[in-house]
Amino acid sequence: MFVFIKHGDNQQFLLNTNCSVLLLLHYIRHKMGLSKTETIDLCDEMGTMKFLFLTKTPGDYASKFLTARNTYYICRVDRGAPGTRLENAYKNFVPLLKNPDPELLEVLRAQCDLLEKNRVKMIRIQEAKKVIPIESTANLPSKSGRSEEESTPTTRRSPLFKTRADFLKRDKHH
C-alpha cells in the first residue's frame, strides 16, 4: 500500500505504508532534511491530524492509521521552548507547504488548541490525585497511652465526625 505525501511548492512523493510508524516518520524526516528530533505528523487534505507522533505503539504498521492512495501533508508540531515550564505545550501544527490554504490552517489550529487543552486537563487531574500531607487536628495518644494535651486542662471539643444520633438529637430540639 502507498500514500501520496505533498510538501513545499506542490511537490509530492510516494510513501509505502507497509512499515512501522517509527520507520515511516524517520524516512519522512530524512527525505525532507529535518533533524531527527523534529516532531512531525501527517494530516489529510481536510486537515485532520493522524497523531502518529503520539502513538503508544510506534511499532504498529502505518497502514493501520493511513488510508491507501490518499494524499497527506507533512506537519511540524511546534512545542514550547525547552527548559521552560511550557516545554511540553502544543503551540502549533504547521503544514510544510509553501502556500497552505487558510481553512487548512484554521482546522489545524483548532486541533492543536484542543490537544493542548486536553494535555492541561490531564495535568490537573494528575495533580489532584497527588496525596498532600496535612497535619491532623485530632489528639492522638502517645506511646505512653496518654495524649499530649491531657496534662493541661482544655475545653471539651465536639466530635470530628457527626453520627446519626447527633442529627437525631438536633431534630428533636427544633
C-alpha atoms as a PDB file:
ATOM      1  CA  MET A   1       0.000   0.000   0.000  1.00  0.00           C
ATOM      2  CA  PHE A   2       1.143   3.544  -0.566  1.00  0.00           C
ATOM      3  CA  VAL A   3       0.070   7.133   0.058  1.00  0.00           C
ATOM      4  CA  PHE A   4       0.936  10.467  -1.554  1.00  0.00           C
ATOM      5  CA  ILE A   5       2.844  12.973   0.546  1.00  0.00           C
ATOM      6  CA  LYS A   6       2.583  16.629  -0.527  1.00  0.00           C
ATOM      7  CA  HIS A   7       5.003  19.275   0.703  1.00  0.00           C
ATOM      8  CA  GLY A   8       6.717  22.509  -0.267  1.00  0.00           C
ATOM      9  CA  ASP A   9       5.602  24.142  -3.519  1.00  0.00           C
ATOM     10  CA  ASN A  10       3.187  21.393  -4.649  1.00  0.00           C
ATOM     11  CA  GLN A  11       5.912  18.732  -4.545  1.00  0.00           C
ATOM     12  CA  GLN A  12       4.984  15.163  -3.716  1.00  0.00           C
ATOM     13  CA  PHE A  13       6.392  11.685  -3.250  1.00  0.00           C
ATOM     14  CA  LEU A  14       5.015   8.194  -2.700  1.00  0.00           C
ATOM     15  CA  LEU A  15       5.298   6.560   0.669  1.00  0.00           C
ATOM     16  CA  ASN A  16       4.975   2.848   1.417  1.00  0.00           C
ATOM     17  CA  THR A  17       2.786   2.323   4.490  1.00  0.00           C
ATOM     18  CA  ASN A  18       3.786  -1.322   4.993  1.00  0.00           C
ATOM     19  CA  CYS A  19       6.294  -0.345   7.663  1.00  0.00           C
ATOM     20  CA  SER A  20       6.226   0.779  11.275  1.00  0.00           C
ATOM     21  CA  VAL A  21       5.087   4.279  12.192  1.00  0.00           C
ATOM     22  CA  LEU A  22       8.549   4.877  13.677  1.00  0.00           C
ATOM     23  CA  LEU A  23      10.299   3.983  10.401  1.00  0.00           C
ATOM     24  CA  LEU A  24       7.789   5.981   8.334  1.00  0.00           C
ATOM     25  CA  LEU A  25       8.355   9.164  10.367  1.00  0.00           C
ATOM     26  CA  HIS A  26      12.135   8.611  10.289  1.00  0.00           C
ATOM     27  CA  TYR A  27      12.031   8.268   6.481  1.00  0.00           C
ATOM     28  CA  ILE A  28       9.936  11.451   6.092  1.00  0.00           C
ATOM     29  CA  ARG A  29      12.383  13.412   8.280  1.00  0.00           C
ATOM     30  CA  HIS A  30      15.306  12.103   6.212  1.00  0.00           C
ATOM     31  CA  LYS A  31      13.571  12.823   2.878  1.00  0.00           C
ATOM     32  CA  MET A  32      12.693  16.376   3.988  1.00  0.00           C
ATOM     33  CA  GLY A  33      16.106  17.095   5.517  1.00  0.00           C
ATOM     34  CA  LEU A  34      14.635  17.581   9.010  1.00  0.00           C
ATOM     35  CA  SER A  35      16.512  16.821  12.223  1.00  0.00           C
ATOM     36  CA  LYS A  36      15.876  13.531  13.994  1.00  0.00           C
ATOM     37  CA  THR A  37      14.485  15.424  16.980  1.00  0.00           C
ATOM     38  CA  GLU A  38      11.933  17.404  14.922  1.00  0.00           C
ATOM     39  CA  THR A  39       8.398  16.331  15.865  1.00  0.00           C
ATOM     40  CA  ILE A  40       6.293  15.778  12.742  1.00  0.00           C
ATOM     41  CA  ASP A  41       2.976  14.255  11.823  1.00  0.00           C
ATOM     42  CA  LEU A  42       0.702  13.864   8.831  1.00  0.00           C
ATOM     43  CA  CYS A  43      -2.709  15.364   8.164  1.00  0.00           C
ATOM     44  CA  ASP A  44      -5.167  14.546   5.392  1.00  0.00           C
ATOM     45  CA  GLU A  45      -6.365  17.090   2.841  1.00  0.00           C
ATOM     46  CA  MET A  46      -9.170  18.188   5.173  1.00  0.00           C
ATOM     47  CA  GLY A  47      -6.612  18.950   7.889  1.00  0.00           C
ATOM     48  CA  THR A  48      -7.366  16.008  10.166  1.00  0.00           C
ATOM     49  CA  MET A  49      -4.189  15.158  12.043  1.00  0.00           C
ATOM     50  CA  LYS A  50      -3.204  11.486  12.263  1.00  0.00           C
ATOM     51  CA  PHE A  51      -1.336  11.933  15.586  1.00  0.00           C
ATOM     52  CA  LEU A  52       1.305   9.385  14.605  1.00  0.00           C
ATOM     53  CA  PHE A  53       3.777  11.134  16.915  1.00  0.00           C
ATOM     54  CA  LEU A  54       1.535  10.275  19.894  1.00  0.00           C
ATOM     55  CA  THR A  55       1.013   6.592  19.149  1.00  0.00           C
ATOM     56  CA  LYS A  56       1.690   4.356  22.139  1.00  0.00           C
ATOM     57  CA  THR A  57       2.835   1.577  19.807  1.00  0.00           C
ATOM     58  CA  PRO A  58       5.243   3.080  17.221  1.00  0.00           C
ATOM     59  CA  GLY A  59       5.958  -0.467  16.019  1.00  0.00           C
ATOM     60  CA  ASP A  60       2.433  -0.728  14.555  1.00  0.00           C
ATOM     61  CA  TYR A  61       2.186  -0.641  10.798  1.00  0.00           C
ATOM     62  CA  ALA A  62       1.493   2.812   9.356  1.00  0.00           C
ATOM     63  CA  SER A  63      -1.173   1.236   7.118  1.00  0.00           C
ATOM     64  CA  LYS A  64      -3.281   0.894  10.295  1.00  0.00           C
ATOM     65  CA  PHE A  65      -3.513   4.720  10.503  1.00  0.00           C
ATOM     66  CA  LEU A  66      -3.298   5.847   6.868  1.00  0.00           C
ATOM     67  CA  THR A  67      -5.724   5.106   4.027  1.00  0.00           C
ATOM     68  CA  ALA A  68      -4.129   3.679   0.889  1.00  0.00           C
ATOM     69  CA  ARG A  69      -3.839   6.065  -2.086  1.00  0.00           C
ATOM     70  CA  ASN A  70      -4.870   9.118  -0.041  1.00  0.00           C
ATOM     71  CA  THR A  71      -2.899  12.356  -0.010  1.00  0.00           C
ATOM     72  CA  TYR A  72      -1.346  13.629   3.211  1.00  0.00           C
ATOM     73  CA  TYR A  73       0.569  16.768   4.180  1.00  0.00           C
ATOM     74  CA  ILE A  74       3.601  16.806   6.450  1.00  0.00           C
ATOM     75  CA  CYS A  75       3.083  18.963   9.526  1.00  0.00           C
ATOM     76  CA  ARG A  76       5.654  20.189  12.005  1.00  0.00           C
ATOM     77  CA  VAL A  77       4.499  20.011  15.620  1.00  0.00           C
ATOM     78  CA  ASP A  78       5.647  23.143  17.456  1.00  0.00           C
ATOM     79  CA  ARG A  79       6.117  22.725  21.194  1.00  0.00           C
ATOM     80  CA  GLY A  80       7.078  25.120  23.993  1.00  0.00           C
ATOM     81  CA  ALA A  81      10.647  26.300  24.489  1.00  0.00           C
ATOM     82  CA  PRO A  82      12.925  23.624  26.013  1.00  0.00           C
ATOM     83  CA  GLY A  83      13.788  24.160  29.653  1.00  0.00           C
ATOM     84  CA  THR A  84      10.691  26.249  30.325  1.00  0.00           C
ATOM     85  CA  ARG A  85       7.535  25.399  32.232  1.00  0.00           C
ATOM     86  CA  LEU A  86       5.692  25.140  28.899  1.00  0.00           C
ATOM     87  CA  GLU A  87       8.199  22.918  27.092  1.00  0.00           C
ATOM     88  CA  ASN A  88       5.605  20.150  26.649  1.00  0.00           C
ATOM     89  CA  ALA A  89       2.847  22.509  25.490  1.00  0.00           C
ATOM     90  CA  TYR A  90       1.452  22.147  21.973  1.00  0.00           C
ATOM     91  CA  LYS A  91       1.858  25.536  20.297  1.00  0.00           C
ATOM     92  CA  ASN A  92       1.029  24.919  16.634  1.00  0.00           C
ATOM     93  CA  PHE A  93       0.708  22.373  13.821  1.00  0.00           C
ATOM     94  CA  VAL A  94       2.463  23.856  10.777  1.00  0.00           C
ATOM     95  CA  PRO A  95       1.933  22.242   7.351  1.00  0.00           C
ATOM     96  CA  LEU A  96       5.190  22.129   5.396  1.00  0.00           C
ATOM     97  CA  LEU A  97       3.576  23.709   2.334  1.00  0.00           C
ATOM     98  CA  LYS A  98       4.619  26.899   0.556  1.00  0.00           C
ATOM     99  CA  ASN A  99       1.104  28.417   0.484  1.00  0.00           C
ATOM    100  CA  PRO A 100      -1.203  26.466   2.796  1.00  0.00           C
ATOM    101  CA  ASP A 101      -4.938  27.052   2.467  1.00  0.00           C
ATOM    102  CA  PRO A 102      -6.273  29.340   5.265  1.00  0.00           C
ATOM    103  CA  GLU A 103      -9.040  26.817   6.026  1.00  0.00           C
ATOM    104  CA  LEU A 104      -6.427  24.099   6.478  1.00  0.00           C
ATOM    105  CA  LEU A 105      -4.524  26.336   8.904  1.00  0.00           C
ATOM    106  CA  GLU A 106      -7.703  27.034  10.884  1.00  0.00           C
ATOM    107  CA  VAL A 107      -8.572  23.314  11.178  1.00  0.00           C
ATOM    108  CA  LEU A 108      -5.008  22.536  12.307  1.00  0.00           C
ATOM    109  CA  ARG A 109      -5.089  25.365  14.870  1.00  0.00           C
ATOM    110  CA  ALA A 110      -8.387  24.107  16.316  1.00  0.00           C
ATOM    111  CA  GLN A 111      -6.956  20.582  16.721  1.00  0.00           C
ATOM    112  CA  CYS A 112      -3.787  21.926  18.322  1.00  0.00           C
ATOM    113  CA  ASP A 113      -5.811  24.027  20.773  1.00  0.00           C
ATOM    114  CA  LEU A 114      -7.952  21.004  21.698  1.00  0.00           C
ATOM    115  CA  LEU A 115      -4.888  18.787  22.187  1.00  0.00           C
ATOM    116  CA  GLU A 116      -3.289  21.431  24.434  1.00  0.00           C
ATOM    117  CA  LYS A 117      -6.499  21.869  26.424  1.00  0.00           C
ATOM    118  CA  ASN A 118      -6.665  18.091  26.997  1.00  0.00           C
ATOM    119  CA  ARG A 119      -2.979  17.993  27.986  1.00  0.00           C
ATOM    120  CA  VAL A 120      -3.551  20.696  30.617  1.00  0.00           C
ATOM    121  CA  LYS A 121      -6.689  18.915  31.863  1.00  0.00           C
ATOM    122  CA  MET A 122      -4.724  15.670  32.317  1.00  0.00           C
ATOM    123  CA  ILE A 123      -2.020  17.523  34.270  1.00  0.00           C
ATOM    124  CA  ARG A 124      -4.655  18.977  36.597  1.00  0.00           C
ATOM    125  CA  ILE A 125      -6.205  15.545  37.140  1.00  0.00           C
ATOM    126  CA  GLN A 126      -2.786  14.061  37.944  1.00  0.00           C
ATOM    127  CA  GLU A 127      -2.000  16.898  40.356  1.00  0.00           C
ATOM    128  CA  ALA A 128      -5.357  16.432  42.095  1.00  0.00           C
ATOM    129  CA  LYS A 129      -4.540  12.751  42.641  1.00  0.00           C
ATOM    130  CA  LYS A 130      -1.288  13.544  44.416  1.00  0.00           C
ATOM    131  CA  VAL A 131      -1.508  12.978  48.159  1.00  0.00           C
ATOM    132  CA  ILE A 132      -0.924  16.162  50.093  1.00  0.00           C
ATOM    133  CA  PRO A 133       0.223  15.507  53.667  1.00  0.00           C
ATOM    134  CA  ILE A 134      -1.779  17.528  56.202  1.00  0.00           C
ATOM    135  CA  GLU A 135      -1.381  17.769  59.939  1.00  0.00           C
ATOM    136  CA  SER A 136      -4.158  16.157  61.892  1.00  0.00           C
ATOM    137  CA  THR A 137      -6.044  18.267  64.419  1.00  0.00           C
ATOM    138  CA  ALA A 138      -7.037  15.177  66.419  1.00  0.00           C
ATOM    139  CA  ASN A 139      -5.272  14.383  69.677  1.00  0.00           C
ATOM    140  CA  LEU A 140      -3.571  11.073  69.135  1.00  0.00           C
ATOM    141  CA  PRO A 141      -2.347   9.128  72.170  1.00  0.00           C
ATOM    142  CA  SER A 142       1.399   8.986  72.629  1.00  0.00           C
ATOM    143  CA  LYS A 143       3.280   5.740  73.213  1.00  0.00           C
ATOM    144  CA  SER A 144       2.539   6.047  76.945  1.00  0.00           C
ATOM    145  CA  GLY A 145      -1.162   5.883  76.188  1.00  0.00           C
ATOM    146  CA  ARG A 146      -1.909   9.475  77.207  1.00  0.00           C
ATOM    147  CA  SER A 147      -2.439  12.247  74.727  1.00  0.00           C
ATOM    148  CA  GLU A 148      -0.066  15.191  74.947  1.00  0.00           C
ATOM    149  CA  GLU A 149      -2.851  17.616  75.839  1.00  0.00           C
ATOM    150  CA  GLU A 150      -4.235  15.546  78.745  1.00  0.00           C
ATOM    151  CA  SER A 151      -1.712  17.103  81.095  1.00  0.00           C
ATOM    152  CA  THR A 152      -3.149  20.589  80.528  1.00  0.00           C
ATOM    153  CA  PRO A 153      -6.811  21.350  81.116  1.00  0.00           C
ATOM    154  CA  THR A 154      -8.730  22.056  77.933  1.00  0.00           C
ATOM    155  CA  THR A 155     -12.290  22.709  76.997  1.00  0.00           C
ATOM    156  CA  ARG A 156     -14.216  19.818  75.556  1.00  0.00           C
ATOM    157  CA  ARG A 157     -14.257  19.725  71.765  1.00  0.00           C
ATOM    158  CA  SER A 158     -17.119  18.464  69.676  1.00  0.00           C
ATOM    159  CA  PRO A 159     -16.526  15.210  67.819  1.00  0.00           C
ATOM    160  CA  LEU A 160     -14.745  15.492  64.474  1.00  0.00           C
ATOM    161  CA  PHE A 161     -17.466  13.473  62.762  1.00  0.00           C
ATOM    162  CA  LYS A 162     -21.173  13.690  63.427  1.00  0.00           C
ATOM    163  CA  THR A 163     -23.018  10.462  63.946  1.00  0.00           C
ATOM    164  CA  ARG A 164     -26.587   9.692  63.041  1.00  0.00           C
ATOM    165  CA  ALA A 165     -27.501  10.148  66.695  1.00  0.00           C
ATOM    166  CA  ASP A 166     -26.149  13.708  66.627  1.00  0.00           C
ATOM    167  CA  PHE A 167     -28.506  14.588  63.800  1.00  0.00           C
ATOM    168  CA  LEU A 168     -31.480  12.933  65.534  1.00  0.00           C
ATOM    169  CA  LYS A 169     -30.797  14.905  68.756  1.00  0.00           C
ATOM    170  CA  ARG A 170     -30.769  18.158  66.817  1.00  0.00           C
ATOM    171  CA  ASP A 171     -34.071  17.343  65.088  1.00  0.00           C
ATOM    172  CA  LYS A 172     -35.825  16.732  68.475  1.00  0.00           C
ATOM    173  CA  HIS A 173     -34.735  20.127  69.819  1.00  0.00           C
ATOM    174  CA  HIS A 174     -36.136  22.072  66.827  1.00  0.00           C
END
